[in-house]
Amino acid sequence: MTDSEQTIRMPAREETAVEQLRPTQLQLAGTAELREDSRKLSGEASQLHRDMVERQLTELAHSLERHRTADLLERLAASGFAWSTLAEIFAVTPTAVRKWRRGDTPTPEHHRRVAHLLAAIEMLRKANPLLEDIAYWLEARCEQETTLRRLDLYRMGSFATLHTLASGRMSAREALEEAAPDWRARHRRDERFELVWHDDGSPSIVMRGEKH
């Protein structure tokens, strides 16, 4: 019997268990495609959610615009907002806000801003009924490492992100990454300074340990 005949008659080597479990190139490509589809679907779902939240906010704000500015401000004040904070949000002086409260008529744009903020507050309360002091929650920093407050996310136009954060479906770090990806470079907290609040409700940034 020749060597070639012996080779032909030798039984085929059985695959080991490891080899049998080893994924083929086709399987690897399939799982990679599935992962990419899942990532894409997740992104589309997140965008759809953001669009729905923003649409709901716009509709609620429009409905609130029918009310007098003074009445809207009273509801905001009842939520714990200081006049200085409201002035910062509306980009006016605290004196202007006090005049509106007494009945002075603001510009249409400022009236819309007041209604928009109240609509945002009402939606945040529905997202998380445990947020009893909504003003305090908004004025607190998102993270200890940054100077950005939750209120700043609203001012940056990232209400949908803020809404998701309030509902507990997103961490503070995730909210920062979504609303301000460059927060580490532009809004990192400098430990040499601290924010202090004065009796009139106005804030100041001072050197840490400095008497004030």
C-alpha atoms as a PDB file:
ATOM      1  CA  MET A   1       0.000   0.000   0.000  1.00  0.00           C
ATOM      2  CA  THR A   2       1.403   3.339  -1.012  1.00  0.00           C
ATOM      3  CA  ASP A   3       1.760   6.409   1.189  1.00  0.00           C
ATOM      4  CA  SER A   4      -0.885   8.181  -0.899  1.00  0.00           C
ATOM      5  CA  GLU A   5      -3.365   5.395  -0.308  1.00  0.00           C
ATOM      6  CA  GLN A   6      -2.686   5.515   3.425  1.00  0.00           C
ATOM      7  CA  THR A   7      -3.300   9.268   3.384  1.00  0.00           C
ATOM      8  CA  ILE A   8      -6.592   8.864   1.575  1.00  0.00           C
ATOM      9  CA  ARG A   9      -7.808   6.219   3.985  1.00  0.00           C
ATOM     10  CA  MET A  10      -6.902   8.206   7.107  1.00  0.00           C
ATOM     11  CA  PRO A  11     -10.070   9.530   8.859  1.00  0.00           C
ATOM     12  CA  ALA A  12     -10.670  13.268   8.627  1.00  0.00           C
ATOM     13  CA  ARG A  13      -9.572  15.195  11.718  1.00  0.00           C
ATOM     14  CA  GLU A  14     -12.566  16.125  13.853  1.00  0.00           C
ATOM     15  CA  GLU A  15     -12.998  19.806  14.694  1.00  0.00           C
ATOM     16  CA  THR A  16     -12.408  20.704  18.272  1.00  0.00           C
ATOM     17  CA  ALA A  17     -15.158  22.335  20.340  1.00  0.00           C
ATOM     18  CA  VAL A  18     -13.355  25.675  20.180  1.00  0.00           C
ATOM     19  CA  GLU A  19     -13.148  25.544  16.391  1.00  0.00           C
ATOM     20  CA  GLN A  20     -16.815  24.666  16.153  1.00  0.00           C
ATOM     21  CA  LEU A  21     -17.743  27.739  18.210  1.00  0.00           C
ATOM     22  CA  ARG A  22     -15.411  30.088  16.356  1.00  0.00           C
ATOM     23  CA  PRO A  23     -17.569  32.620  14.424  1.00  0.00           C
ATOM     24  CA  THR A  24     -17.153  32.802  10.714  1.00  0.00           C
ATOM     25  CA  GLN A  25     -16.280  36.019   8.923  1.00  0.00           C
ATOM     26  CA  LEU A  26     -19.851  36.191   7.676  1.00  0.00           C
ATOM     27  CA  GLN A  27     -21.211  35.914  11.220  1.00  0.00           C
ATOM     28  CA  LEU A  28     -18.883  38.641  12.436  1.00  0.00           C
ATOM     29  CA  ALA A  29     -20.007  40.930   9.638  1.00  0.00           C
ATOM     30  CA  GLY A  30     -23.622  40.178  10.511  1.00  0.00           C
ATOM     31  CA  THR A  31     -23.218  41.069  14.182  1.00  0.00           C
ATOM     32  CA  ALA A  32     -21.340  44.256  13.298  1.00  0.00           C
ATOM     33  CA  GLU A  33     -24.162  45.277  10.969  1.00  0.00           C
ATOM     34  CA  LEU A  34     -26.726  44.452  13.652  1.00  0.00           C
ATOM     35  CA  ARG A  35     -24.837  46.571  16.183  1.00  0.00           C
ATOM     36  CA  GLU A  36     -24.680  49.476  13.744  1.00  0.00           C
ATOM     37  CA  ASP A  37     -28.405  49.176  13.008  1.00  0.00           C
ATOM     38  CA  SER A  38     -29.127  49.139  16.742  1.00  0.00           C
ATOM     39  CA  ARG A  39     -27.007  52.254  17.273  1.00  0.00           C
ATOM     40  CA  LYS A  40     -28.748  54.013  14.395  1.00  0.00           C
ATOM     41  CA  LEU A  41     -32.191  53.018  15.676  1.00  0.00           C
ATOM     42  CA  SER A  42     -31.306  54.248  19.165  1.00  0.00           C
ATOM     43  CA  GLY A  43     -30.171  57.583  17.749  1.00  0.00           C
ATOM     44  CA  GLU A  44     -33.353  57.962  15.708  1.00  0.00           C
ATOM     45  CA  ALA A  45     -35.499  57.122  18.743  1.00  0.00           C
ATOM     46  CA  SER A  46     -33.636  59.682  20.854  1.00  0.00           C
ATOM     47  CA  GLN A  47     -34.104  62.351  18.184  1.00  0.00           C
ATOM     48  CA  LEU A  48     -37.801  61.513  17.914  1.00  0.00           C
ATOM     49  CA  HIS A  49     -38.152  61.874  21.683  1.00  0.00           C
ATOM     50  CA  ARG A  50     -36.376  65.240  21.631  1.00  0.00           C
ATOM     51  CA  ASP A  51     -38.625  66.466  18.824  1.00  0.00           C
ATOM     52  CA  MET A  52     -41.749  65.395  20.721  1.00  0.00           C
ATOM     53  CA  VAL A  53     -40.614  67.112  23.924  1.00  0.00           C
ATOM     54  CA  GLU A  54     -39.777  70.335  22.099  1.00  0.00           C
ATOM     55  CA  ARG A  55     -43.108  70.253  20.257  1.00  0.00           C
ATOM     56  CA  GLN A  56     -45.000  69.766  23.505  1.00  0.00           C
ATOM     57  CA  LEU A  57     -43.057  72.626  25.089  1.00  0.00           C
ATOM     58  CA  THR A  58     -43.866  74.953  22.190  1.00  0.00           C
ATOM     59  CA  GLU A  59     -47.564  74.100  22.290  1.00  0.00           C
ATOM     60  CA  LEU A  60     -47.799  74.602  26.048  1.00  0.00           C
ATOM     61  CA  ALA A  61     -45.898  77.900  25.840  1.00  0.00           C
ATOM     62  CA  HIS A  62     -48.280  79.136  23.135  1.00  0.00           C
ATOM     63  CA  SER A  63     -51.267  78.328  25.330  1.00  0.00           C
ATOM     64  CA  LEU A  64     -49.727  80.235  28.247  1.00  0.00           C
ATOM     65  CA  GLU A  65     -49.097  83.319  26.124  1.00  0.00           C
ATOM     66  CA  ARG A  66     -52.803  84.128  26.452  1.00  0.00           C
ATOM     67  CA  HIS A  67     -52.242  85.072  30.107  1.00  0.00           C
ATOM     68  CA  ARG A  68     -50.942  88.393  31.364  1.00  0.00           C
ATOM     69  CA  THR A  69     -47.203  88.647  31.934  1.00  0.00           C
ATOM     70  CA  ALA A  70     -47.774  89.668  35.544  1.00  0.00           C
ATOM     71  CA  ASP A  71     -49.797  86.497  36.199  1.00  0.00           C
ATOM     72  CA  LEU A  72     -47.124  84.319  34.604  1.00  0.00           C
ATOM     73  CA  LEU A  73     -44.447  85.962  36.720  1.00  0.00           C
ATOM     74  CA  GLU A  74     -46.431  85.351  39.885  1.00  0.00           C
ATOM     75  CA  ARG A  75     -46.521  81.647  39.075  1.00  0.00           C
ATOM     76  CA  LEU A  76     -42.770  81.657  38.459  1.00  0.00           C
ATOM     77  CA  ALA A  77     -42.156  83.487  41.726  1.00  0.00           C
ATOM     78  CA  ALA A  78     -44.293  80.887  43.503  1.00  0.00           C
ATOM     79  CA  SER A  79     -41.895  78.258  42.137  1.00  0.00           C
ATOM     80  CA  GLY A  80     -39.047  79.908  44.044  1.00  0.00           C
ATOM     81  CA  PHE A  81     -37.353  82.017  41.366  1.00  0.00           C
ATOM     82  CA  ALA A  82     -35.655  85.218  42.461  1.00  0.00           C
ATOM     83  CA  TRP A  83     -36.221  88.301  40.318  1.00  0.00           C
ATOM     84  CA  SER A  84     -32.489  88.418  39.582  1.00  0.00           C
ATOM     85  CA  THR A  85     -32.573  84.868  38.225  1.00  0.00           C
ATOM     86  CA  LEU A  86     -35.590  85.602  36.049  1.00  0.00           C
ATOM     87  CA  ALA A  87     -33.887  88.743  34.781  1.00  0.00           C
ATOM     88  CA  GLU A  88     -30.841  86.660  33.825  1.00  0.00           C
ATOM     89  CA  ILE A  89     -32.991  84.181  31.921  1.00  0.00           C
ATOM     90  CA  PHE A  90     -34.929  86.897  30.079  1.00  0.00           C
ATOM     91  CA  ALA A  91     -31.783  88.977  29.443  1.00  0.00           C
ATOM     92  CA  VAL A  92     -33.159  92.088  31.135  1.00  0.00           C
ATOM     93  CA  THR A  93     -32.574  93.929  34.410  1.00  0.00           C
ATOM     94  CA  PRO A  94     -34.308  92.912  37.672  1.00  0.00           C
ATOM     95  CA  THR A  95     -35.991  96.320  37.578  1.00  0.00           C
ATOM     96  CA  ALA A  96     -37.638  95.450  34.255  1.00  0.00           C
ATOM     97  CA  VAL A  97     -38.988  92.208  35.700  1.00  0.00           C
ATOM     98  CA  ARG A  98     -40.427  94.045  38.708  1.00  0.00           C
ATOM     99  CA  LYS A  99     -42.126  96.535  36.381  1.00  0.00           C
ATOM    100  CA  TRP A 100     -43.714  93.689  34.427  1.00  0.00           C
ATOM    101  CA  ARG A 101     -44.944  92.234  37.675  1.00  0.00           C
ATOM    102  CA  ARG A 102     -46.607  95.567  38.523  1.00  0.00           C
ATOM    103  CA  GLY A 103     -48.401  95.598  35.182  1.00  0.00           C
ATOM    104  CA  ASP A 104     -46.008  97.180  32.684  1.00  0.00           C
ATOM    105  CA  THR A 105     -46.215  95.606  29.239  1.00  0.00           C
ATOM    106  CA  PRO A 106     -43.043  93.884  28.013  1.00  0.00           C
ATOM    107  CA  THR A 107     -42.129  93.389  24.377  1.00  0.00           C
ATOM    108  CA  PRO A 108     -43.860  90.445  22.657  1.00  0.00           C
ATOM    109  CA  GLU A 109     -40.549  88.584  22.617  1.00  0.00           C
ATOM    110  CA  HIS A 110     -40.063  88.981  26.354  1.00  0.00           C
ATOM    111  CA  HIS A 111     -43.643  87.915  26.991  1.00  0.00           C
ATOM    112  CA  ARG A 112     -42.985  84.759  24.964  1.00  0.00           C
ATOM    113  CA  ARG A 113     -39.860  84.075  27.025  1.00  0.00           C
ATOM    114  CA  VAL A 114     -41.837  84.300  30.254  1.00  0.00           C
ATOM    115  CA  ALA A 115     -44.497  81.910  28.941  1.00  0.00           C
ATOM    116  CA  HIS A 116     -41.834  79.559  27.596  1.00  0.00           C
ATOM    117  CA  LEU A 117     -40.058  79.326  30.957  1.00  0.00           C
ATOM    118  CA  LEU A 118     -43.288  78.630  32.821  1.00  0.00           C
ATOM    119  CA  ALA A 119     -44.158  75.924  30.285  1.00  0.00           C
ATOM    120  CA  ALA A 120     -40.731  74.370  30.822  1.00  0.00           C
ATOM    121  CA  ILE A 121     -41.214  74.398  34.600  1.00  0.00           C
ATOM    122  CA  GLU A 122     -44.581  72.683  34.338  1.00  0.00           C
ATOM    123  CA  MET A 123     -43.184  69.987  32.054  1.00  0.00           C
ATOM    124  CA  LEU A 124     -40.223  69.347  34.365  1.00  0.00           C
ATOM    125  CA  ARG A 125     -42.601  68.922  37.294  1.00  0.00           C
ATOM    126  CA  LYS A 126     -44.589  66.339  35.344  1.00  0.00           C
ATOM    127  CA  ALA A 127     -41.388  64.565  34.345  1.00  0.00           C
ATOM    128  CA  ASN A 128     -40.402  64.245  38.012  1.00  0.00           C
ATOM    129  CA  PRO A 129     -43.056  65.100  40.637  1.00  0.00           C
ATOM    130  CA  LEU A 130     -40.374  64.763  43.339  1.00  0.00           C
ATOM    131  CA  LEU A 131     -38.768  68.027  42.193  1.00  0.00           C
ATOM    132  CA  GLU A 132     -40.525  70.146  44.785  1.00  0.00           C
ATOM    133  CA  ASP A 133     -38.039  73.045  44.740  1.00  0.00           C
ATOM    134  CA  ILE A 134     -37.669  73.321  40.990  1.00  0.00           C
ATOM    135  CA  ALA A 135     -35.854  76.667  41.123  1.00  0.00           C
ATOM    136  CA  TYR A 136     -33.187  75.323  43.463  1.00  0.00           C
ATOM    137  CA  TRP A 137     -32.749  72.226  41.294  1.00  0.00           C
ATOM    138  CA  LEU A 138     -32.289  74.333  38.171  1.00  0.00           C
ATOM    139  CA  GLU A 139     -29.828  76.764  39.759  1.00  0.00           C
ATOM    140  CA  ALA A 140     -27.577  73.968  41.049  1.00  0.00           C
ATOM    141  CA  ARG A 141     -24.567  72.877  38.988  1.00  0.00           C
ATOM    142  CA  CYS A 142     -24.935  69.826  36.769  1.00  0.00           C
ATOM    143  CA  GLU A 143     -21.708  68.357  38.116  1.00  0.00           C
ATOM    144  CA  GLN A 144     -19.133  69.416  40.687  1.00  0.00           C
ATOM    145  CA  GLU A 145     -16.507  69.561  37.940  1.00  0.00           C
ATOM    146  CA  THR A 146     -18.304  72.210  35.896  1.00  0.00           C
ATOM    147  CA  THR A 147     -19.660  75.712  36.311  1.00  0.00           C
ATOM    148  CA  LEU A 148     -22.664  74.881  34.144  1.00  0.00           C
ATOM    149  CA  ARG A 149     -25.969  74.827  35.980  1.00  0.00           C
ATOM    150  CA  ARG A 150     -29.021  72.885  34.909  1.00  0.00           C
ATOM    151  CA  LEU A 151     -30.551  76.268  34.184  1.00  0.00           C
ATOM    152  CA  ASP A 152     -27.769  76.875  31.673  1.00  0.00           C
ATOM    153  CA  LEU A 153     -28.874  73.814  29.711  1.00  0.00           C
ATOM    154  CA  TYR A 154     -32.283  75.440  29.369  1.00  0.00           C
ATOM    155  CA  ARG A 155     -30.726  78.746  28.305  1.00  0.00           C
ATOM    156  CA  MET A 156     -28.609  76.908  25.721  1.00  0.00           C
ATOM    157  CA  GLY A 157     -31.774  75.561  24.102  1.00  0.00           C
ATOM    158  CA  SER A 158     -31.294  71.998  25.347  1.00  0.00           C
ATOM    159  CA  PHE A 159     -34.618  71.617  27.126  1.00  0.00           C
ATOM    160  CA  ALA A 160     -35.196  68.082  25.818  1.00  0.00           C
ATOM    161  CA  THR A 161     -31.904  67.027  27.400  1.00  0.00           C
ATOM    162  CA  LEU A 162     -32.865  68.765  30.635  1.00  0.00           C
ATOM    163  CA  HIS A 163     -36.262  67.053  30.564  1.00  0.00           C
ATOM    164  CA  THR A 164     -34.647  63.634  30.168  1.00  0.00           C
ATOM    165  CA  LEU A 165     -32.243  64.436  33.005  1.00  0.00           C
ATOM    166  CA  ALA A 166     -35.118  65.451  35.283  1.00  0.00           C
ATOM    167  CA  SER A 167     -36.973  62.227  34.532  1.00  0.00           C
ATOM    168  CA  GLY A 168     -33.977  60.179  35.683  1.00  0.00           C
ATOM    169  CA  ARG A 169     -33.370  58.530  32.300  1.00  0.00           C
ATOM    170  CA  MET A 170     -30.035  60.291  31.847  1.00  0.00           C
ATOM    171  CA  SER A 171     -27.102  61.017  34.120  1.00  0.00           C
ATOM    172  CA  ALA A 172     -25.727  64.511  34.639  1.00  0.00           C
ATOM    173  CA  ARG A 173     -22.551  63.568  32.785  1.00  0.00           C
ATOM    174  CA  GLU A 174     -24.552  62.269  29.822  1.00  0.00           C
ATOM    175  CA  ALA A 175     -26.610  65.462  29.783  1.00  0.00           C
ATOM    176  CA  LEU A 176     -23.456  67.563  29.672  1.00  0.00           C
ATOM    177  CA  GLU A 177     -21.983  65.482  26.863  1.00  0.00           C
ATOM    178  CA  GLU A 178     -25.169  65.884  24.834  1.00  0.00           C
ATOM    179  CA  ALA A 179     -25.821  69.580  25.478  1.00  0.00           C
ATOM    180  CA  ALA A 180     -22.249  70.883  25.702  1.00  0.00           C
ATOM    181  CA  PRO A 181     -19.692  68.374  24.396  1.00  0.00           C
ATOM    182  CA  ASP A 182     -16.879  70.879  25.006  1.00  0.00           C
ATOM    183  CA  TRP A 183     -17.842  71.525  28.633  1.00  0.00           C
ATOM    184  CA  ARG A 184     -14.512  70.239  29.958  1.00  0.00           C
ATOM    185  CA  ALA A 185     -12.605  72.824  27.940  1.00  0.00           C
ATOM    186  CA  ARG A 186     -14.983  75.779  28.286  1.00  0.00           C
ATOM    187  CA  HIS A 187     -16.860  75.243  31.541  1.00  0.00           C
ATOM    188  CA  ARG A 188     -14.539  73.377  33.877  1.00  0.00           C
ATOM    189  CA  ARG A 189     -14.814  74.588  37.457  1.00  0.00           C
ATOM    190  CA  ASP A 190     -11.813  76.541  38.739  1.00  0.00           C
ATOM    191  CA  GLU A 191     -11.279  75.567  42.383  1.00  0.00           C
ATOM    192  CA  ARG A 192      -9.616  78.926  43.081  1.00  0.00           C
ATOM    193  CA  PHE A 193     -12.989  80.676  42.895  1.00  0.00           C
ATOM    194  CA  GLU A 194     -16.447  80.181  44.331  1.00  0.00           C
ATOM    195  CA  LEU A 195     -19.925  81.517  43.689  1.00  0.00           C
ATOM    196  CA  VAL A 196     -21.587  83.422  46.534  1.00  0.00           C
ATOM    197  CA  TRP A 197     -25.103  84.824  46.760  1.00  0.00           C
ATOM    198  CA  HIS A 198     -25.822  88.205  48.355  1.00  0.00           C
ATOM    199  CA  ASP A 199     -28.845  89.232  50.388  1.00  0.00           C
ATOM    200  CA  ASP A 200     -30.451  90.867  47.363  1.00  0.00           C
ATOM    201  CA  GLY A 201     -30.300  87.580  45.463  1.00  0.00           C
ATOM    202  CA  SER A 202     -27.469  88.590  43.144  1.00  0.00           C
ATOM    203  CA  PRO A 203     -24.464  86.271  42.658  1.00  0.00           C
ATOM    204  CA  SER A 204     -20.760  87.073  42.651  1.00  0.00           C
ATOM    205  CA  ILE A 205     -17.646  85.055  41.844  1.00  0.00           C
ATOM    206  CA  VAL A 206     -14.919  85.592  44.471  1.00  0.00           C
ATOM    207  CA  MET A 207     -11.610  84.033  45.403  1.00  0.00           C
ATOM    208  CA  ARG A 208     -12.177  81.024  47.639  1.00  0.00           C
ATOM    209  CA  GLY A 209     -11.738  81.960  51.286  1.00  0.00           C
ATOM    210  CA  GLU A 210     -12.105  85.678  50.575  1.00  0.00           C
ATOM    211  CA  LYS A 211     -14.279  87.566  53.066  1.00  0.00           C
ATOM    212  CA  HIS A 212     -17.483  88.946  51.653  1.00  0.00           C
END
